[in-house]
C-alpha atoms as a PDB file:
ATOM      1  CA  UNK A   1      23.819-119.376  15.396  1.00  0.00           C
ATOM      2  CA  UNK A   2      22.731-121.939  13.369  1.00  0.00           C
ATOM      3  CA  UNK A   3      18.682-122.241  12.831  1.00  0.00           C
ATOM      4  CA  UNK A   4      16.097-124.219  11.310  1.00  0.00           C
ATOM      5  CA  UNK A   5      13.234-123.103   9.641  1.00  0.00           C
ATOM      6  CA  UNK A   6      10.367-124.719  10.330  1.00  0.00           C
ATOM      7  CA  UNK A   7       7.693-124.221   7.298  1.00  0.00           C
ATOM      8  CA  UNK A   8       3.879-125.357   7.837  1.00  0.00           C
ATOM      9  CA  UNK A   9       1.394-125.844   5.059  1.00  0.00           C
ATOM     10  CA  UNK A  10       3.864-124.426   2.034  1.00  0.00           C
ATOM     11  CA  UNK A  11       2.948-125.940  -1.710  1.00  0.00           C
ATOM     12  CA  UNK A  12       5.250-127.809  -3.351  1.00  0.00           C
ATOM     13  CA  UNK A  13       5.733-124.820  -5.714  1.00  0.00           C
ATOM     14  CA  UNK A  14       7.045-122.393  -2.562  1.00  0.00           C
ATOM     15  CA  UNK A  15       9.190-125.537  -1.332  1.00  0.00           C
ATOM     16  CA  UNK A  16      10.387-125.190  -5.071  1.00  0.00           C
ATOM     17  CA  UNK A  17      11.293-121.338  -5.098  1.00  0.00           C
ATOM     18  CA  UNK A  18      12.780-121.498  -1.924  1.00  0.00           C
ATOM     19  CA  UNK A  19      15.123-124.570  -3.075  1.00  0.00           C
ATOM     20  CA  UNK A  20      15.991-122.514  -6.699  1.00  0.00           C
ATOM     21  CA  UNK A  21      16.767-119.419  -4.670  1.00  0.00           C
ATOM     22  CA  UNK A  22      19.636-121.410  -2.296  1.00  0.00           C
ATOM     23  CA  UNK A  23      20.946-122.642  -5.768  1.00  0.00           C
ATOM     24  CA  UNK A  24      21.212-119.214  -7.491  1.00  0.00           C
ATOM     25  CA  UNK A  25      22.927-117.876  -4.537  1.00  0.00           C
ATOM     26  CA  UNK A  26      24.864-120.856  -4.245  1.00  0.00           C
ATOM     27  CA  UNK A  27      25.780-120.196  -8.111  1.00  0.00           C
ATOM     28  CA  UNK A  28      26.916-116.812  -7.167  1.00  0.00           C
ATOM     29  CA  UNK A  29      29.245-117.714  -4.295  1.00  0.00           C
ATOM     30  CA  UNK A  30      27.523-116.827  -1.881  1.00  0.00           C
ATOM     31  CA  UNK A  31      27.705-119.110   1.510  1.00  0.00           C
ATOM     32  CA  UNK A  32      24.125-120.820   1.435  1.00  0.00           C
ATOM     33  CA  UNK A  33      23.835-123.016   4.925  1.00  0.00           C
ATOM     34  CA  UNK A  34      20.428-123.043   5.611  1.00  0.00           C
ATOM     35  CA  UNK A  35      18.038-125.480   7.302  1.00  0.00           C
ATOM     36  CA  UNK A  36      14.561-126.108   6.334  1.00  0.00           C
ATOM     37  CA  UNK A  37      12.040-128.901   7.505  1.00  0.00           C
ATOM     38  CA  UNK A  38       8.253-128.514   6.184  1.00  0.00           C
ATOM     39  CA  UNK A  39       5.282-129.995   7.540  1.00  0.00           C
ATOM     40  CA  UNK A  40       1.853-130.251   5.703  1.00  0.00           C
ATOM     41  CA  UNK A  41      -0.235-129.056   8.866  1.00  0.00           C
ATOM     42  CA  UNK A  42      -0.281-127.931  12.057  1.00  0.00           C
ATOM     43  CA  UNK A  43      -1.544-130.979  13.324  1.00  0.00           C
ATOM     44  CA  UNK A  44       1.489-133.227  11.794  1.00  0.00           C
ATOM     45  CA  UNK A  45       3.976-130.534  13.585  1.00  0.00           C
ATOM     46  CA  UNK A  46       1.991-131.026  16.892  1.00  0.00           C
ATOM     47  CA  UNK A  47       2.350-134.607  16.508  1.00  0.00           C
ATOM     48  CA  UNK A  48       5.769-134.314  16.148  1.00  0.00           C
ATOM     49  CA  UNK A  49       7.325-131.879  18.059  1.00  0.00           C
ATOM     50  CA  UNK A  50       5.398-132.440  21.292  1.00  0.00           C
ATOM     51  CA  UNK A  51       5.954-130.746  24.643  1.00  0.00           C
ATOM     52  CA  UNK A  52       8.515-133.879  26.264  1.00  0.00           C
ATOM     53  CA  UNK A  53      10.023-134.133  22.554  1.00  0.00           C
ATOM     54  CA  UNK A  54      10.462-130.139  23.104  1.00  0.00           C
ATOM     55  CA  UNK A  55      11.810-131.117  26.179  1.00  0.00           C
ATOM     56  CA  UNK A  56      14.290-133.859  24.729  1.00  0.00           C
ATOM     57  CA  UNK A  57      15.354-131.453  21.852  1.00  0.00           C
ATOM     58  CA  UNK A  58      16.156-129.115  24.071  1.00  0.00           C
ATOM     59  CA  UNK A  59      18.524-131.030  26.679  1.00  0.00           C
ATOM     60  CA  UNK A  60      20.092-132.775  23.517  1.00  0.00           C
ATOM     61  CA  UNK A  61      21.222-129.669  22.315  1.00  0.00           C
ATOM     62  CA  UNK A  62      22.923-128.540  25.378  1.00  0.00           C
ATOM     63  CA  UNK A  63      24.550-132.269  26.075  1.00  0.00           C
ATOM     64  CA  UNK A  64      24.541-134.501  22.970  1.00  0.00           C
ATOM     65  CA  UNK A  65      24.308-137.986  24.135  1.00  0.00           C
ATOM     66  CA  UNK A  66      26.414-141.077  23.185  1.00  0.00           C
ATOM     67  CA  UNK A  67      23.224-143.573  22.844  1.00  0.00           C
ATOM     68  CA  UNK A  68      19.552-143.194  23.354  1.00  0.00           C
ATOM     69  CA  UNK A  69      20.088-145.891  26.340  1.00  0.00           C
ATOM     70  CA  UNK A  70      22.285-142.807  27.938  1.00  0.00           C
ATOM     71  CA  UNK A  71      19.919-140.459  27.211  1.00  0.00           C
ATOM     72  CA  UNK A  72      17.327-142.115  28.877  1.00  0.00           C
ATOM     73  CA  UNK A  73      18.785-142.597  31.977  1.00  0.00           C
ATOM     74  CA  UNK A  74      20.026-138.655  32.183  1.00  0.00           C
ATOM     75  CA  UNK A  75      16.306-137.623  31.526  1.00  0.00           C
ATOM     76  CA  UNK A  76      15.068-140.656  34.223  1.00  0.00           C
ATOM     77  CA  UNK A  77      12.556-141.719  31.280  1.00  0.00           C
ATOM     78  CA  UNK A  78      11.658-145.057  29.687  1.00  0.00           C
ATOM     79  CA  UNK A  79      14.251-146.304  27.187  1.00  0.00           C
ATOM     80  CA  UNK A  80      11.280-147.319  25.072  1.00  0.00           C
ATOM     81  CA  UNK A  81       9.892-143.891  25.225  1.00  0.00           C
ATOM     82  CA  UNK A  82      12.944-141.889  24.332  1.00  0.00           C
ATOM     83  CA  UNK A  83      13.740-144.284  21.895  1.00  0.00           C
ATOM     84  CA  UNK A  84      10.192-143.419  20.065  1.00  0.00           C
ATOM     85  CA  UNK A  85      10.742-139.815  20.510  1.00  0.00           C
ATOM     86  CA  UNK A  86      14.260-139.591  19.002  1.00  0.00           C
ATOM     87  CA  UNK A  87      13.224-141.365  15.971  1.00  0.00           C
ATOM     88  CA  UNK A  88      10.363-139.216  15.423  1.00  0.00           C
ATOM     89  CA  UNK A  89      12.347-136.428  15.896  1.00  0.00           C
ATOM     90  CA  UNK A  90      15.196-138.329  13.698  1.00  0.00           C
ATOM     91  CA  UNK A  91      12.977-138.631  10.971  1.00  0.00           C
ATOM     92  CA  UNK A  92      11.280-134.996  10.809  1.00  0.00           C
ATOM     93  CA  UNK A  93      14.849-133.636  10.481  1.00  0.00           C
ATOM     94  CA  UNK A  94      15.323-132.233  14.128  1.00  0.00           C
ATOM     95  CA  UNK A  95      17.658-134.363  15.735  1.00  0.00           C
ATOM     96  CA  UNK A  96      20.707-135.662  13.954  1.00  0.00           C
ATOM     97  CA  UNK A  97      21.820-139.517  14.669  1.00  0.00           C
ATOM     98  CA  UNK A  98      24.618-141.152  12.986  1.00  0.00           C
ATOM     99  CA  UNK A  99      24.241-144.922  13.020  1.00  0.00           C
ATOM    100  CA  UNK A 100      22.403-147.067  15.006  1.00  0.00           C
ATOM    101  CA  UNK A 101      22.927-147.018  18.907  1.00  0.00           C
ATOM    102  CA  UNK A 102      25.043-144.187  18.346  1.00  0.00           C
ATOM    103  CA  UNK A 103      25.081-140.556  19.248  1.00  0.00           C
ATOM    104  CA  UNK A 104      22.053-138.065  19.050  1.00  0.00           C
ATOM    105  CA  UNK A 105      22.754-134.659  18.574  1.00  0.00           C
ATOM    106  CA  UNK A 106      20.354-131.232  18.221  1.00  0.00           C
ATOM    107  CA  UNK A 107      22.750-128.857  16.173  1.00  0.00           C
ATOM    108  CA  UNK A 108      20.263-125.873  15.941  1.00  0.00           C
ATOM    109  CA  UNK A 109      20.580-123.178  18.260  1.00  0.00           C
ATOM    110  CA  UNK A 110      17.097-121.683  17.438  1.00  0.00           C
ATOM    111  CA  UNK A 111      13.999-123.333  15.485  1.00  0.00           C
ATOM    112  CA  UNK A 112      11.969-120.788  13.714  1.00  0.00           C
ATOM    113  CA  UNK A 113       8.353-121.317  12.647  1.00  0.00           C
ATOM    114  CA  UNK A 114       6.415-119.967   9.797  1.00  0.00           C
ATOM    115  CA  UNK A 115       2.630-121.200   9.640  1.00  0.00           C
ATOM    116  CA  UNK A 116       0.504-120.676   6.321  1.00  0.00           C
ATOM    117  CA  UNK A 117      -2.693-119.738   6.912  1.00  0.00           C
END
């Protein structure tokens, strides 16, 4: 299972320690295959991962799309809105896109979220 870990509110120090730990494990010969995304606040996460975008993310995970147009048609949604959603999710690291106009994928099976209080 490929997991994406979302961190909310981590300090730069915490992020740096996570990276150093992964490098140390890699240097020891461990296979390090981790995916992390960090948001500065819950409010930022909530702006990026709206219910409609989560729906889109789930759909793309099961049905990678050849293009945004194909995705909009499959979801019966307006092209411009789907384009904006794909851009926001891709910019945040939640969706993967090749070049403009090409495929859209969501390669993660699960998303774990950790929110620092």
